[in-house]
Amino acid sequence: MRTLIIVVSLFALFFSAAGYLRVKNPVLFDSIQKAIVSPAHEPEPQSNTEAVAPSTGTVNITPVDKEGNSMVSPATYELYSPDKLARADTAPVVLFFNATWCPSCISTDRIFKKKITSLPSGVSILSVDYDTATELKERYNITYQHTFIQVDSTGKELARWSGGAIDGVIANLVQ
């Protein structure tokens, strides 16, 4: 029990220090964050199959045939909006509650952007800002970032889990 208290205290201290550093010296915070989340030995993807739309944060991957016609609907990773819940009528929709200051969230965000093709076709991951989405946090009883909620087209919760990226989504999806 004492070990658990020490571990929890150390995590709390770490996240408090990270938040303080982010506010007081964002340049240093960003450089440390990049060093932790994206180590120097990790190569950047050289694939031309990934398109990132900076204005919406959407990553779309669509396999095409020899004529350039879409073969399946792509998995997507994009910003949340209520109208996107309607997609759950035909494919899984997952809300990803994340924060810009959360190292695990940042890592997961990068993984989704790089490896969206690893998700089943049609899956929509909708990024929800943990710091500003107060109504959604209350609706789904979200108490910490890096929480995933699979919803139906009315917004009803179907599944909930914490942590993980591609593997976590695949393991927890309700079909």
N, C-alpha and C. Protein backbone atom coordinates (compact mmCIF):
# COMPACT_ATOMS: atom_id res chain seq x y z
N MET A 1 0.82 -1.19 0.00
CA MET A 1 0.00 0.00 0.00
C MET A 1 0.87 1.25 0.00
N ARG A 2 1.94 1.24 0.79
CA ARG A 2 2.83 2.39 0.86
C ARG A 2 3.46 2.65 -0.50
N THR A 3 3.84 1.60 -1.21
CA THR A 3 4.42 1.75 -2.54
C THR A 3 3.44 2.40 -3.49
N LEU A 4 2.20 1.99 -3.45
CA LEU A 4 1.17 2.58 -4.30
C LEU A 4 1.01 4.07 -4.02
N ILE A 5 1.00 4.45 -2.77
CA ILE A 5 0.88 5.86 -2.41
C ILE A 5 2.07 6.65 -2.94
N ILE A 6 3.25 6.09 -2.83
CA ILE A 6 4.45 6.77 -3.34
C ILE A 6 4.38 6.92 -4.85
N VAL A 7 3.98 5.87 -5.55
CA VAL A 7 3.89 5.92 -7.01
C VAL A 7 2.86 6.96 -7.45
N VAL A 8 1.69 6.95 -6.83
CA VAL A 8 0.65 7.92 -7.18
C VAL A 8 1.13 9.34 -6.89
N SER A 9 1.81 9.53 -5.79
CA SER A 9 2.33 10.86 -5.44
C SER A 9 3.36 11.32 -6.46
N LEU A 10 4.21 10.42 -6.91
CA LEU A 10 5.21 10.79 -7.92
C LEU A 10 4.56 11.17 -9.24
N PHE A 11 3.51 10.43 -9.64
CA PHE A 11 2.79 10.79 -10.87
C PHE A 11 2.15 12.17 -10.73
N ALA A 12 1.53 12.43 -9.61
CA ALA A 12 0.90 13.73 -9.38
C ALA A 12 1.94 14.84 -9.44
N LEU A 13 3.08 14.63 -8.82
CA LEU A 13 4.16 15.62 -8.84
C LEU A 13 4.66 15.85 -10.26
N PHE A 14 4.85 14.77 -11.01
CA PHE A 14 5.32 14.89 -12.39
C PHE A 14 4.35 15.71 -13.24
N PHE A 15 3.05 15.38 -13.19
CA PHE A 15 2.08 16.09 -14.01
C PHE A 15 1.90 17.53 -13.57
N SER A 16 2.02 17.80 -12.27
CA SER A 16 1.96 19.18 -11.80
C SER A 16 3.15 19.98 -12.34
N ALA A 17 4.33 19.39 -12.28
CA ALA A 17 5.54 20.06 -12.78
C ALA A 17 5.45 20.27 -14.29
N ALA A 18 4.92 19.29 -15.00
CA ALA A 18 4.79 19.43 -16.45
C ALA A 18 3.83 20.56 -16.80
N GLY A 19 2.71 20.66 -16.09
CA GLY A 19 1.76 21.75 -16.33
C GLY A 19 2.38 23.11 -16.03
N TYR A 20 3.13 23.21 -14.93
CA TYR A 20 3.78 24.46 -14.56
C TYR A 20 4.81 24.85 -15.62
N LEU A 21 5.61 23.90 -16.07
CA LEU A 21 6.63 24.17 -17.08
C LEU A 21 5.98 24.60 -18.40
N ARG A 22 4.87 23.97 -18.76
CA ARG A 22 4.18 24.32 -20.00
C ARG A 22 3.73 25.77 -19.99
N VAL A 23 3.27 26.27 -18.84
CA VAL A 23 2.80 27.65 -18.74
C VAL A 23 3.98 28.62 -18.67
N LYS A 24 4.99 28.31 -17.86
CA LYS A 24 6.09 29.23 -17.62
C LYS A 24 7.14 29.26 -18.73
N ASN A 25 7.37 28.12 -19.39
CA ASN A 25 8.39 28.07 -20.44
C ASN A 25 7.94 27.09 -21.52
N PRO A 26 6.99 27.51 -22.37
CA PRO A 26 6.45 26.59 -23.37
C PRO A 26 7.47 26.08 -24.38
N VAL A 27 8.49 26.88 -24.68
CA VAL A 27 9.52 26.43 -25.64
C VAL A 27 10.29 25.25 -25.06
N LEU A 28 10.71 25.37 -23.80
CA LEU A 28 11.42 24.27 -23.15
C LEU A 28 10.51 23.05 -23.02
N PHE A 29 9.24 23.29 -22.64
CA PHE A 29 8.28 22.19 -22.52
C PHE A 29 8.16 21.44 -23.84
N ASP A 30 8.00 22.18 -24.95
CA ASP A 30 7.86 21.54 -26.26
C ASP A 30 9.09 20.73 -26.63
N SER A 31 10.29 21.25 -26.33
CA SER A 31 11.50 20.50 -26.68
C SER A 31 11.62 19.23 -25.85
N ILE A 32 11.26 19.30 -24.57
CA ILE A 32 11.30 18.10 -23.72
C ILE A 32 10.24 17.10 -24.18
N GLN A 33 9.07 17.61 -24.48
CA GLN A 33 7.98 16.75 -24.94
C GLN A 33 8.36 16.01 -26.22
N LYS A 34 8.97 16.72 -27.18
CA LYS A 34 9.38 16.08 -28.42
C LYS A 34 10.44 15.02 -28.16
N ALA A 35 11.35 15.29 -27.23
CA ALA A 35 12.40 14.32 -26.92
C ALA A 35 11.83 13.06 -26.28
N ILE A 36 10.79 13.23 -25.47
CA ILE A 36 10.18 12.08 -24.78
C ILE A 36 9.27 11.30 -25.72
N VAL A 37 8.40 12.01 -26.43
CA VAL A 37 7.37 11.36 -27.23
C VAL A 37 7.91 10.85 -28.55
N SER A 38 8.84 11.57 -29.16
CA SER A 38 9.37 11.18 -30.46
C SER A 38 10.89 11.10 -30.37
N PRO A 39 11.42 9.96 -29.89
CA PRO A 39 12.86 9.81 -29.73
C PRO A 39 13.61 10.00 -31.05
N ALA A 40 14.85 10.39 -30.95
CA ALA A 40 15.66 10.70 -32.13
C ALA A 40 15.80 9.49 -33.06
N HIS A 41 15.78 8.28 -32.52
CA HIS A 41 15.98 7.10 -33.35
C HIS A 41 14.71 6.69 -34.11
N GLU A 42 13.58 7.32 -33.81
CA GLU A 42 12.33 6.95 -34.48
C GLU A 42 12.24 7.66 -35.83
N PRO A 43 12.26 6.91 -36.94
CA PRO A 43 12.19 7.56 -38.25
C PRO A 43 10.81 8.10 -38.54
N GLU A 44 10.75 9.19 -39.26
CA GLU A 44 9.48 9.76 -39.70
C GLU A 44 8.95 8.91 -40.85
N PRO A 45 7.64 8.75 -40.95
CA PRO A 45 7.10 7.94 -42.04
C PRO A 45 7.37 8.59 -43.38
N GLN A 46 7.68 7.78 -44.39
CA GLN A 46 7.98 8.27 -45.72
C GLN A 46 6.88 7.90 -46.70
N SER A 47 5.69 7.69 -46.17
CA SER A 47 4.58 7.23 -47.00
C SER A 47 3.83 8.39 -47.61
N ASN A 48 3.39 8.23 -48.84
CA ASN A 48 2.56 9.23 -49.49
C ASN A 48 1.09 8.89 -49.39
N THR A 49 0.74 7.90 -48.56
CA THR A 49 -0.65 7.47 -48.45
C THR A 49 -1.40 8.24 -47.39
N GLU A 50 -0.73 9.12 -46.67
CA GLU A 50 -1.36 9.82 -45.55
C GLU A 50 -1.54 11.29 -45.91
N ALA A 51 -2.74 11.80 -45.74
CA ALA A 51 -3.00 13.20 -46.00
C ALA A 51 -3.54 13.85 -44.75
N VAL A 52 -2.87 14.89 -44.27
CA VAL A 52 -3.29 15.58 -43.07
C VAL A 52 -3.79 16.95 -43.47
N ALA A 53 -5.02 17.25 -43.15
CA ALA A 53 -5.59 18.56 -43.44
C ALA A 53 -5.41 19.43 -42.21
N PRO A 54 -4.47 20.40 -42.24
CA PRO A 54 -4.16 21.17 -41.05
C PRO A 54 -5.34 21.97 -40.51
N SER A 55 -6.23 22.42 -41.35
CA SER A 55 -7.32 23.26 -40.86
C SER A 55 -8.33 22.47 -40.03
N THR A 56 -8.49 21.18 -40.29
CA THR A 56 -9.48 20.40 -39.55
C THR A 56 -8.85 19.35 -38.65
N GLY A 57 -7.57 19.07 -38.81
CA GLY A 57 -6.93 18.03 -38.04
C GLY A 57 -7.33 16.64 -38.50
N THR A 58 -7.87 16.50 -39.70
CA THR A 58 -8.37 15.24 -40.22
C THR A 58 -7.25 14.46 -40.91
N VAL A 59 -7.20 13.19 -40.65
CA VAL A 59 -6.29 12.30 -41.36
C VAL A 59 -7.16 11.30 -42.09
N ASN A 60 -7.07 11.26 -43.41
CA ASN A 60 -7.88 10.33 -44.19
C ASN A 60 -6.97 9.40 -44.99
N ILE A 61 -7.24 8.12 -44.93
CA ILE A 61 -6.50 7.13 -45.69
C ILE A 61 -7.53 6.35 -46.49
N THR A 62 -7.39 6.34 -47.79
CA THR A 62 -8.34 5.62 -48.63
C THR A 62 -7.60 4.73 -49.61
N PRO A 63 -7.69 3.41 -49.46
CA PRO A 63 -7.11 2.52 -50.46
C PRO A 63 -7.85 2.71 -51.79
N VAL A 64 -7.10 2.70 -52.88
CA VAL A 64 -7.70 2.90 -54.21
C VAL A 64 -7.29 1.77 -55.14
N ASP A 65 -8.12 1.54 -56.15
CA ASP A 65 -7.77 0.55 -57.16
C ASP A 65 -6.87 1.19 -58.21
N LYS A 66 -6.57 0.45 -59.29
CA LYS A 66 -5.64 0.94 -60.32
C LYS A 66 -6.14 2.20 -61.02
N GLU A 67 -7.45 2.39 -61.05
CA GLU A 67 -8.02 3.58 -61.69
C GLU A 67 -8.16 4.76 -60.74
N GLY A 68 -7.79 4.57 -59.46
CA GLY A 68 -7.89 5.64 -58.49
C GLY A 68 -9.23 5.73 -57.78
N ASN A 69 -10.08 4.72 -57.94
CA ASN A 69 -11.38 4.71 -57.28
C ASN A 69 -11.25 4.14 -55.87
N SER A 70 -11.96 4.73 -54.92
CA SER A 70 -11.92 4.29 -53.53
C SER A 70 -12.44 2.86 -53.42
N MET A 71 -11.71 2.02 -52.67
CA MET A 71 -12.13 0.64 -52.49
C MET A 71 -12.95 0.46 -51.22
N VAL A 72 -12.66 1.22 -50.18
CA VAL A 72 -13.40 1.14 -48.92
C VAL A 72 -13.46 2.54 -48.31
N SER A 73 -14.37 2.71 -47.38
CA SER A 73 -14.37 3.99 -46.67
C SER A 73 -13.21 3.97 -45.68
N PRO A 74 -12.50 5.07 -45.57
CA PRO A 74 -11.30 5.08 -44.74
C PRO A 74 -11.63 5.22 -43.25
N ALA A 75 -10.67 4.82 -42.44
CA ALA A 75 -10.74 5.17 -41.02
C ALA A 75 -10.33 6.63 -40.94
N THR A 76 -10.90 7.37 -40.00
CA THR A 76 -10.57 8.78 -39.87
C THR A 76 -10.22 9.14 -38.44
N TYR A 77 -9.39 10.16 -38.31
CA TYR A 77 -9.03 10.74 -37.02
C TYR A 77 -9.18 12.24 -37.20
N GLU A 78 -10.14 12.82 -36.51
CA GLU A 78 -10.45 14.23 -36.73
C GLU A 78 -11.07 14.85 -35.49
N LEU A 79 -11.27 16.15 -35.54
CA LEU A 79 -11.85 16.88 -34.43
C LEU A 79 -13.33 16.53 -34.26
N TYR A 80 -13.78 16.50 -33.03
CA TYR A 80 -15.17 16.19 -32.71
C TYR A 80 -16.12 17.28 -33.19
N SER A 81 -17.25 16.86 -33.69
CA SER A 81 -18.41 17.73 -33.87
C SER A 81 -19.63 16.82 -33.76
N PRO A 82 -20.73 17.32 -33.19
CA PRO A 82 -21.90 16.45 -32.93
C PRO A 82 -22.46 15.77 -34.17
N ASP A 83 -22.38 16.42 -35.33
CA ASP A 83 -22.95 15.83 -36.54
C ASP A 83 -22.22 14.56 -36.98
N LYS A 84 -20.99 14.38 -36.54
CA LYS A 84 -20.21 13.20 -36.94
C LYS A 84 -20.66 11.93 -36.22
N LEU A 85 -21.49 12.08 -35.18
CA LEU A 85 -21.99 10.90 -34.47
C LEU A 85 -22.89 10.05 -35.36
N ALA A 86 -23.49 10.66 -36.36
CA ALA A 86 -24.38 9.94 -37.28
C ALA A 86 -23.65 8.81 -38.00
N ARG A 87 -22.36 8.91 -38.11
CA ARG A 87 -21.56 7.85 -38.75
C ARG A 87 -21.70 6.52 -38.03
N ALA A 88 -22.05 6.56 -36.75
CA ALA A 88 -22.15 5.33 -35.96
C ALA A 88 -23.26 4.41 -36.45
N ASP A 89 -24.12 4.90 -37.35
CA ASP A 89 -25.15 4.03 -37.94
C ASP A 89 -24.52 2.98 -38.85
N THR A 90 -23.33 3.27 -39.40
CA THR A 90 -22.70 2.35 -40.35
C THR A 90 -21.34 1.84 -39.92
N ALA A 91 -20.68 2.52 -38.96
CA ALA A 91 -19.34 2.11 -38.52
C ALA A 91 -19.08 2.66 -37.12
N PRO A 92 -18.10 2.09 -36.41
CA PRO A 92 -17.83 2.55 -35.05
C PRO A 92 -17.35 4.01 -34.99
N VAL A 93 -17.82 4.73 -33.98
CA VAL A 93 -17.38 6.09 -33.69
C VAL A 93 -16.87 6.10 -32.25
N VAL A 94 -15.65 6.62 -32.07
CA VAL A 94 -15.00 6.64 -30.76
C VAL A 94 -14.59 8.07 -30.43
N LEU A 95 -14.99 8.53 -29.25
CA LEU A 95 -14.55 9.83 -28.76
C LEU A 95 -13.24 9.63 -27.99
N PHE A 96 -12.24 10.44 -28.31
CA PHE A 96 -10.94 10.37 -27.64
C PHE A 96 -10.75 11.66 -26.86
N PHE A 97 -10.95 11.60 -25.53
CA PHE A 97 -10.77 12.77 -24.67
C PHE A 97 -9.28 12.92 -24.39
N ASN A 98 -8.70 14.03 -24.87
CA ASN A 98 -7.26 14.21 -24.73
C ASN A 98 -6.93 15.66 -24.43
N ALA A 99 -5.71 15.87 -23.94
CA ALA A 99 -5.25 17.21 -23.58
C ALA A 99 -3.90 17.48 -24.24
N THR A 100 -3.68 18.72 -24.60
CA THR A 100 -2.43 19.09 -25.27
C THR A 100 -1.22 18.97 -24.35
N TRP A 101 -1.43 18.93 -23.06
CA TRP A 101 -0.34 18.85 -22.09
C TRP A 101 -0.08 17.43 -21.59
N CYS A 102 -0.85 16.48 -22.05
CA CYS A 102 -0.76 15.10 -21.59
C CYS A 102 0.20 14.30 -22.48
N PRO A 103 1.33 13.83 -21.93
CA PRO A 103 2.28 13.07 -22.74
C PRO A 103 1.68 11.83 -23.40
N SER A 104 0.84 11.10 -22.70
CA SER A 104 0.22 9.91 -23.29
C SER A 104 -0.70 10.30 -24.44
N CYS A 105 -1.45 11.39 -24.26
CA CYS A 105 -2.36 11.86 -25.31
C CYS A 105 -1.58 12.29 -26.55
N ILE A 106 -0.48 12.98 -26.34
CA ILE A 106 0.34 13.46 -27.45
C ILE A 106 0.89 12.28 -28.24
N SER A 107 1.36 11.29 -27.52
CA SER A 107 1.89 10.09 -28.18
C SER A 107 0.79 9.38 -28.97
N THR A 108 -0.38 9.23 -28.37
CA THR A 108 -1.50 8.57 -29.04
C THR A 108 -1.92 9.36 -30.27
N ASP A 109 -1.96 10.68 -30.17
CA ASP A 109 -2.31 11.54 -31.30
C ASP A 109 -1.35 11.29 -32.46
N ARG A 110 -0.08 11.24 -32.18
CA ARG A 110 0.91 11.00 -33.24
C ARG A 110 0.76 9.61 -33.85
N ILE A 111 0.48 8.63 -33.02
CA ILE A 111 0.28 7.28 -33.53
C ILE A 111 -0.93 7.22 -34.46
N PHE A 112 -2.04 7.84 -34.03
CA PHE A 112 -3.22 7.87 -34.88
C PHE A 112 -2.92 8.53 -36.22
N LYS A 113 -2.19 9.62 -36.20
CA LYS A 113 -1.88 10.33 -37.44
C LYS A 113 -0.97 9.52 -38.36
N LYS A 114 -0.08 8.74 -37.79
CA LYS A 114 0.87 7.97 -38.60
C LYS A 114 0.32 6.61 -39.04
N LYS A 115 -0.55 6.01 -38.22
CA LYS A 115 -0.95 4.62 -38.47
C LYS A 115 -2.45 4.43 -38.55
N ILE A 116 -3.15 5.43 -39.04
CA ILE A 116 -4.61 5.35 -39.12
C ILE A 116 -5.05 4.17 -39.97
N THR A 117 -4.22 3.75 -40.92
CA THR A 117 -4.58 2.61 -41.79
C THR A 117 -4.67 1.30 -41.02
N SER A 118 -4.13 1.26 -39.80
CA SER A 118 -4.18 0.05 -38.99
C SER A 118 -5.56 -0.18 -38.38
N LEU A 119 -6.40 0.84 -38.39
CA LEU A 119 -7.75 0.69 -37.86
C LEU A 119 -8.66 0.08 -38.91
N PRO A 120 -9.70 -0.62 -38.48
CA PRO A 120 -10.66 -1.15 -39.45
C PRO A 120 -11.28 -0.01 -40.27
N SER A 121 -11.59 -0.30 -41.53
CA SER A 121 -12.17 0.74 -42.38
C SER A 121 -13.48 1.25 -41.79
N GLY A 122 -13.69 2.54 -41.96
CA GLY A 122 -14.91 3.18 -41.50
C GLY A 122 -14.87 3.69 -40.08
N VAL A 123 -13.93 3.25 -39.25
CA VAL A 123 -13.86 3.70 -37.87
C VAL A 123 -13.55 5.20 -37.84
N SER A 124 -14.29 5.93 -37.01
CA SER A 124 -14.03 7.36 -36.82
C SER A 124 -13.58 7.59 -35.39
N ILE A 125 -12.38 8.14 -35.24
CA ILE A 125 -11.87 8.57 -33.94
C ILE A 125 -12.07 10.07 -33.89
N LEU A 126 -12.85 10.56 -32.95
CA LEU A 126 -13.13 11.99 -32.84
C LEU A 126 -12.40 12.55 -31.63
N SER A 127 -11.49 13.46 -31.88
CA SER A 127 -10.68 14.07 -30.84
C SER A 127 -11.49 15.12 -30.08
N VAL A 128 -11.57 14.97 -28.75
CA VAL A 128 -12.30 15.90 -27.89
C VAL A 128 -11.32 16.55 -26.94
N ASP A 129 -11.30 17.88 -26.90
CA ASP A 129 -10.37 18.62 -26.03
C ASP A 129 -10.83 18.50 -24.57
N TYR A 130 -10.04 17.81 -23.79
CA TYR A 130 -10.35 17.57 -22.38
C TYR A 130 -10.51 18.88 -21.61
N ASP A 131 -9.74 19.89 -21.96
CA ASP A 131 -9.75 21.13 -21.20
C ASP A 131 -10.94 22.04 -21.50
N THR A 132 -11.57 21.88 -22.66
CA THR A 132 -12.65 22.81 -23.04
C THR A 132 -14.02 22.14 -23.22
N ALA A 133 -14.09 20.85 -23.34
CA ALA A 133 -15.35 20.15 -23.61
C ALA A 133 -16.09 19.79 -22.32
N THR A 134 -16.44 20.80 -21.54
CA THR A 134 -17.05 20.60 -20.23
C THR A 134 -18.35 19.81 -20.31
N GLU A 135 -19.22 20.16 -21.25
CA GLU A 135 -20.51 19.46 -21.36
C GLU A 135 -20.33 17.98 -21.69
N LEU A 136 -19.42 17.68 -22.61
CA LEU A 136 -19.19 16.27 -22.97
C LEU A 136 -18.56 15.52 -21.81
N LYS A 137 -17.65 16.16 -21.09
CA LYS A 137 -17.04 15.50 -19.93
C LYS A 137 -18.11 15.17 -18.88
N GLU A 138 -19.04 16.08 -18.67
CA GLU A 138 -20.12 15.81 -17.70
C GLU A 138 -21.04 14.72 -18.22
N ARG A 139 -21.39 14.79 -19.49
CA ARG A 139 -22.31 13.80 -20.06
C ARG A 139 -21.78 12.38 -19.93
N TYR A 140 -20.47 12.20 -20.18
CA TYR A 140 -19.87 10.87 -20.15
C TYR A 140 -19.10 10.59 -18.86
N ASN A 141 -19.21 11.49 -17.89
CA ASN A 141 -18.53 11.32 -16.61
C ASN A 141 -17.02 11.07 -16.79
N ILE A 142 -16.39 11.94 -17.56
CA ILE A 142 -14.95 11.84 -17.82
C ILE A 142 -14.21 12.54 -16.69
N THR A 143 -13.32 11.82 -16.03
CA THR A 143 -12.58 12.40 -14.91
C THR A 143 -11.09 12.57 -15.19
N TYR A 144 -10.61 12.01 -16.29
CA TYR A 144 -9.22 12.21 -16.67
C TYR A 144 -9.06 12.03 -18.17
N GLN A 145 -8.01 12.66 -18.67
CA GLN A 145 -7.74 12.60 -20.10
C GLN A 145 -7.26 11.20 -20.49
N HIS A 146 -7.16 10.99 -21.79
CA HIS A 146 -6.77 9.71 -22.37
C HIS A 146 -7.84 8.65 -22.13
N THR A 147 -9.10 9.11 -22.21
CA THR A 147 -10.26 8.24 -22.07
C THR A 147 -10.94 8.11 -23.43
N PHE A 148 -11.34 6.90 -23.76
CA PHE A 148 -12.03 6.61 -25.01
C PHE A 148 -13.47 6.18 -24.70
N ILE A 149 -14.42 6.71 -25.49
CA ILE A 149 -15.82 6.33 -25.36
C ILE A 149 -16.34 5.99 -26.75
N GLN A 150 -16.77 4.76 -26.96
CA GLN A 150 -17.45 4.42 -28.22
C GLN A 150 -18.92 4.74 -28.04
N VAL A 151 -19.50 5.43 -29.04
CA VAL A 151 -20.89 5.88 -28.95
C VAL A 151 -21.68 5.41 -30.16
N ASP A 152 -23.02 5.39 -29.99
CA ASP A 152 -23.88 5.14 -31.14
C ASP A 152 -24.26 6.48 -31.76
N SER A 153 -25.11 6.48 -32.75
CA SER A 153 -25.43 7.71 -33.48
C SER A 153 -26.21 8.72 -32.65
N THR A 154 -26.79 8.29 -31.53
CA THR A 154 -27.48 9.23 -30.64
C THR A 154 -26.56 9.74 -29.53
N GLY A 155 -25.34 9.23 -29.50
CA GLY A 155 -24.39 9.63 -28.47
C GLY A 155 -24.40 8.72 -27.25
N LYS A 156 -25.18 7.67 -27.30
CA LYS A 156 -25.24 6.72 -26.17
C LYS A 156 -23.92 5.95 -26.09
N GLU A 157 -23.40 5.84 -24.88
CA GLU A 157 -22.14 5.14 -24.65
C GLU A 157 -22.32 3.64 -24.86
N LEU A 158 -21.42 3.07 -25.68
CA LEU A 158 -21.42 1.63 -25.93
C LEU A 158 -20.26 0.92 -25.23
N ALA A 159 -19.13 1.63 -25.12
CA ALA A 159 -17.94 1.05 -24.50
C ALA A 159 -17.07 2.18 -23.98
N ARG A 160 -16.24 1.87 -22.99
CA ARG A 160 -15.34 2.86 -22.38
C ARG A 160 -14.03 2.18 -22.01
N TRP A 161 -12.93 2.86 -22.25
CA TRP A 161 -11.63 2.36 -21.83
C TRP A 161 -10.66 3.53 -21.72
N SER A 162 -9.55 3.26 -21.05
CA SER A 162 -8.52 4.27 -20.89
C SER A 162 -7.22 3.74 -21.46
N GLY A 163 -6.48 4.63 -22.09
CA GLY A 163 -5.18 4.27 -22.61
C GLY A 163 -5.24 3.46 -23.87
N GLY A 164 -4.07 3.28 -24.42
CA GLY A 164 -3.96 2.53 -25.67
C GLY A 164 -4.09 3.46 -26.86
N ALA A 165 -3.70 2.98 -27.97
CA ALA A 165 -3.82 3.75 -29.21
C ALA A 165 -4.54 2.84 -30.20
N ILE A 166 -3.87 2.47 -31.28
CA ILE A 166 -4.47 1.60 -32.29
C ILE A 166 -4.91 0.27 -31.67
N ASP A 167 -4.01 -0.38 -30.95
CA ASP A 167 -4.33 -1.67 -30.35
C ASP A 167 -5.46 -1.56 -29.34
N GLY A 168 -5.48 -0.48 -28.55
CA GLY A 168 -6.53 -0.26 -27.58
C GLY A 168 -7.89 -0.11 -28.25
N VAL A 169 -7.93 0.63 -29.33
CA VAL A 169 -9.19 0.83 -30.06
C VAL A 169 -9.67 -0.49 -30.63
N ILE A 170 -8.78 -1.20 -31.30
CA ILE A 170 -9.17 -2.47 -31.92
C ILE A 170 -9.65 -3.47 -30.87
N ALA A 171 -8.97 -3.53 -29.73
CA ALA A 171 -9.33 -4.49 -28.70
C ALA A 171 -10.66 -4.18 -28.03
N ASN A 172 -11.06 -2.91 -28.00
CA ASN A 172 -12.24 -2.52 -27.23
C ASN A 172 -13.47 -2.16 -28.06
N LEU A 173 -13.34 -2.14 -29.38
CA LEU A 173 -14.49 -1.77 -30.21
C LEU A 173 -15.64 -2.75 -30.04
N VAL A 174 -16.83 -2.21 -29.93
CA VAL A 174 -18.05 -3.01 -29.93
C VAL A 174 -18.57 -2.97 -31.36
N GLN A 175 -18.74 -4.13 -31.97
CA GLN A 175 -19.20 -4.18 -33.37
C GLN A 175 -20.69 -4.23 -33.48
